[in-house]
Amino acid sequence: MDLHRHDEASTFDGFGKPTELAELARELGHTALGISNHGNTNNLVQHYLACKEAGIKPVLGVEGYFIPVYKEQHRGYHLCLFAKNHKGYHNLNALQYEGEKQKYYNPIWTFKLLEKYHEGLICTSACVAGYLAQCLKDEKYEQAEKYVKKMVEIFGNDFYIEIQPYKISEEGLQETINVRAIKLARKLKVQCVLTSDSHRGRKEDMETYLKMHEIAKHDLKHIEETYSERYMPSDKELYQRFVKMHKKDFKENTESFGKRMIHNLKEIEDKVEEDIFKDLKQLLPKYDKDSDALIKKKIKEGLKRKGKWTKCHPETGMDYISRAMEEYKVIKSLGFQDYFLIVADYVNWAKEQGINVGPGRGSACNCLIAYALDITNVDSLLFGLDFRRFLREDKKKMPDIDMDFETSRRHEVIQYVINKYPGKTARIASYGLYKVDNLINDLAKVCGLPTDKEVDENVVSENKKIIKSIKTLCNKYIDEDGKLDKECLLKDKEAKMYNKDYDNIILHFTKLYKKLRFIGTHAAGVAVTGGNILDYTSLRIDKSGDIYTNYDLNDMENINVVKFDMLGLGTMEEIGELRDTTGVTVVYDDIVNDKKILKAFNEGDTIGIFQFDKKAVREILIKIDCNCFDDIIAANAMNRPGPLSLKMPEAYAENKLNLEEAQSSLYYDYTKESYGTVIYQEQIQQICVNIGGMTWGDADKVMKMIGGQSQSEDAKAEFERNLYRS
């Protein structure tokens, strides 16, 4: 097992994505793989999933920063911790969070924190930058012995001394530390482990690894001297390195020492549970002691207030009570009452504070209960929206209701939720990945294509042209899903020329594309859990005191954390300004048949209206002779690359003119509002279910395939079998 190991989340120090490294570990014969990034746990979920996919055991850890007693402005010494079980994972998260409170560049741990949160953790002494190694380097043997005894007192036989068989920049230092550490370990009867402290996957990636450090302006001489052997080794290679390095130091005992330390890696692997995340259930805070009774009460009150608590609406003839009860039964069967109450709470709180809130977006508008709770302003019955598009009993996934708030005050809504559920909520991290433009720009600086002010203007101008050509070339080999065809790009004649002239710039591009560039903050996402959020994720604290998860949206979803999106929309501020200026408050139900509004849309007079101010959509409005609210909705939906390339607006306009012909269509009953033109996802799903004989679950899969979302090969095969049966 490669235990002490870094990936791309040790930003601009570790190299390689979790999927690549887990697959390499399997190729090398490892049955488990550790992760220990510098001061953060950002990639633990991705590492876990990658290892599971590769069929090896994930070992989750971090290389943190330790000092015996906290001192201000002390960076700390390296120390590695690995979770044995879920308790250990929780304590790893707790240590990171508590360490954030006394942070200096990175979270800082002390003996006091380790004593409090040691349960379920394996501790290793780390590299030459560790406290033990520094004591041994400076010949402070008494201090080193005292430290090891304290660690054994805290962790028992879960404390190991690391022996690292590779060269570092200071000649002979690593060998000296290894010899002194083994002697101390034998004296105190503490086990040692061989670790690689690998910072990249493959040996041959060293050239690109150096370029990455050059981009970050690190000391390349030091990196070259210290990291040349820091790639992922097999257990056999690790053992052979140790024997070669220390044959003279331990003579006949060298091989037995090496074998024992490799055995201890297996011992650590056996101590770690196979599935640390298995007990993480999708839970929400309990909104009320009887949330079920409360939501029923609020549904009835909301529809009564809107004049729609009726079995036969006087104008539409629609049965609102029955529809509400149907939806309620599904929500209750899935146990989602608290979700709706929580969303309704912060949406209506925002409205009470005078914060402008959008009328609703996406499939949440298909939910009458969301309308009753004042989450949305869209009457789903009035627009014939099918609730099953939003939620069904077989659709176990938590709903995802995205809400728009005026941008300048959105942070107030986020903070309200965080304050209401302390210890259960946090804002969410985001991972900034290298894309074509920023990666080529960064590589250009270190591959002979500088554009700095110090360079001659003519050279800068020429370099910019070359950089633009390189970007065009790279984009040529990237598909619509952002996947790069590395092999074809590297075979391209133009790419070979650029590689020759500019220090393998295209080769480095293929190895760094979509690698982690920075760890940022998601603007809108808030993570909410039913219990202690540290059971799910570690947290970080920014300079302003805001608390964030160390995982991004996808990671949070993979460990069953519920995410609420509070989106910022400048249009909401404009609506507020108009209301304050004119004294008119928009009532959404009243604008549907407003003749002045419809006339403006019919003439394409919509500049300044959200999503309707661009030329393309205004042309669609005129083309389809927009004269009703359904036309407005359709125009917005068709103003996208896919529908435009299929000439959907033209088909819509023709069907509208030749309605008799459109009505003869097999699927007209499901496309009435768009004159027989298939525009909306919900229409496709209804056609799949009612004509194709599919289940709604299969119809969901159709939508994912149309949308280009990935599915496993097994899932695709199973879906195709069901499709053919239908």
Foldseek 3Di string as FASTA:
>chain_A
DFAQEEACVLPLFFHDFLLVQLLLCVVLPAQEYHYAHEQFQQCQLVNCVSNVVNNHFYKGKYFYFEDADDDAQDQHFTKMKTAQALLLLLLRLVQQQCQQVRDDPHRYDHLVSCQVRVPRMAIEQDDCRGPLNVCQLVVVVVVNLVVVVSVCVRNPLSYAYEQELDFFPPPPSSVSSNLSVVVSCVVVVHHYAYHLSARYADLVCVLLSLLSNVLVVDDSVRCCRGHNRRHDHRLVVSLVSQCVSCCVPPPPCSNVSSVRNSVVVVVSVVSHDRCNLPPQAQAFADPDPCLLVVLVVLLCVLCVVVVRCACQRPPPGHGPVVLLVVLSVLCVLLVNSRVLVLLLVLQVVCVVVVWFKAQFDDLVLCHCSCCSSSSHVHRNVVVVRHNVVQGGNVPNDHGATEMETAAVCLVVSVVVSCVVAPLFKAFAKDFDADALVVLLQSLCCVQPLDLDPVDDPVSNVVSVVVSVVVSVLQVVQADPVRDGPLVVSCVDPVLVVCCVRGVHSSVSCVRRGRRTNDMGGDPFKMWGGRDRCSSPFRWHADPVGGIYGSYHPVSCVSSNIDIHGHHHDNVSVVLSVVCVVVVDDDNPVPPQQDQVVQVCLCQLVQCPPPQSNDPQLSVLSVLLSRRGNLSVVQSSLCPDPVNVVVVQSNVLSVLVVVLVVLVVDPLCVLCVSSSNRDRDLVSQLCCCVVVQVDDSVLSVVVVCVVVVHDDDPVVVVVSVVRSVVD
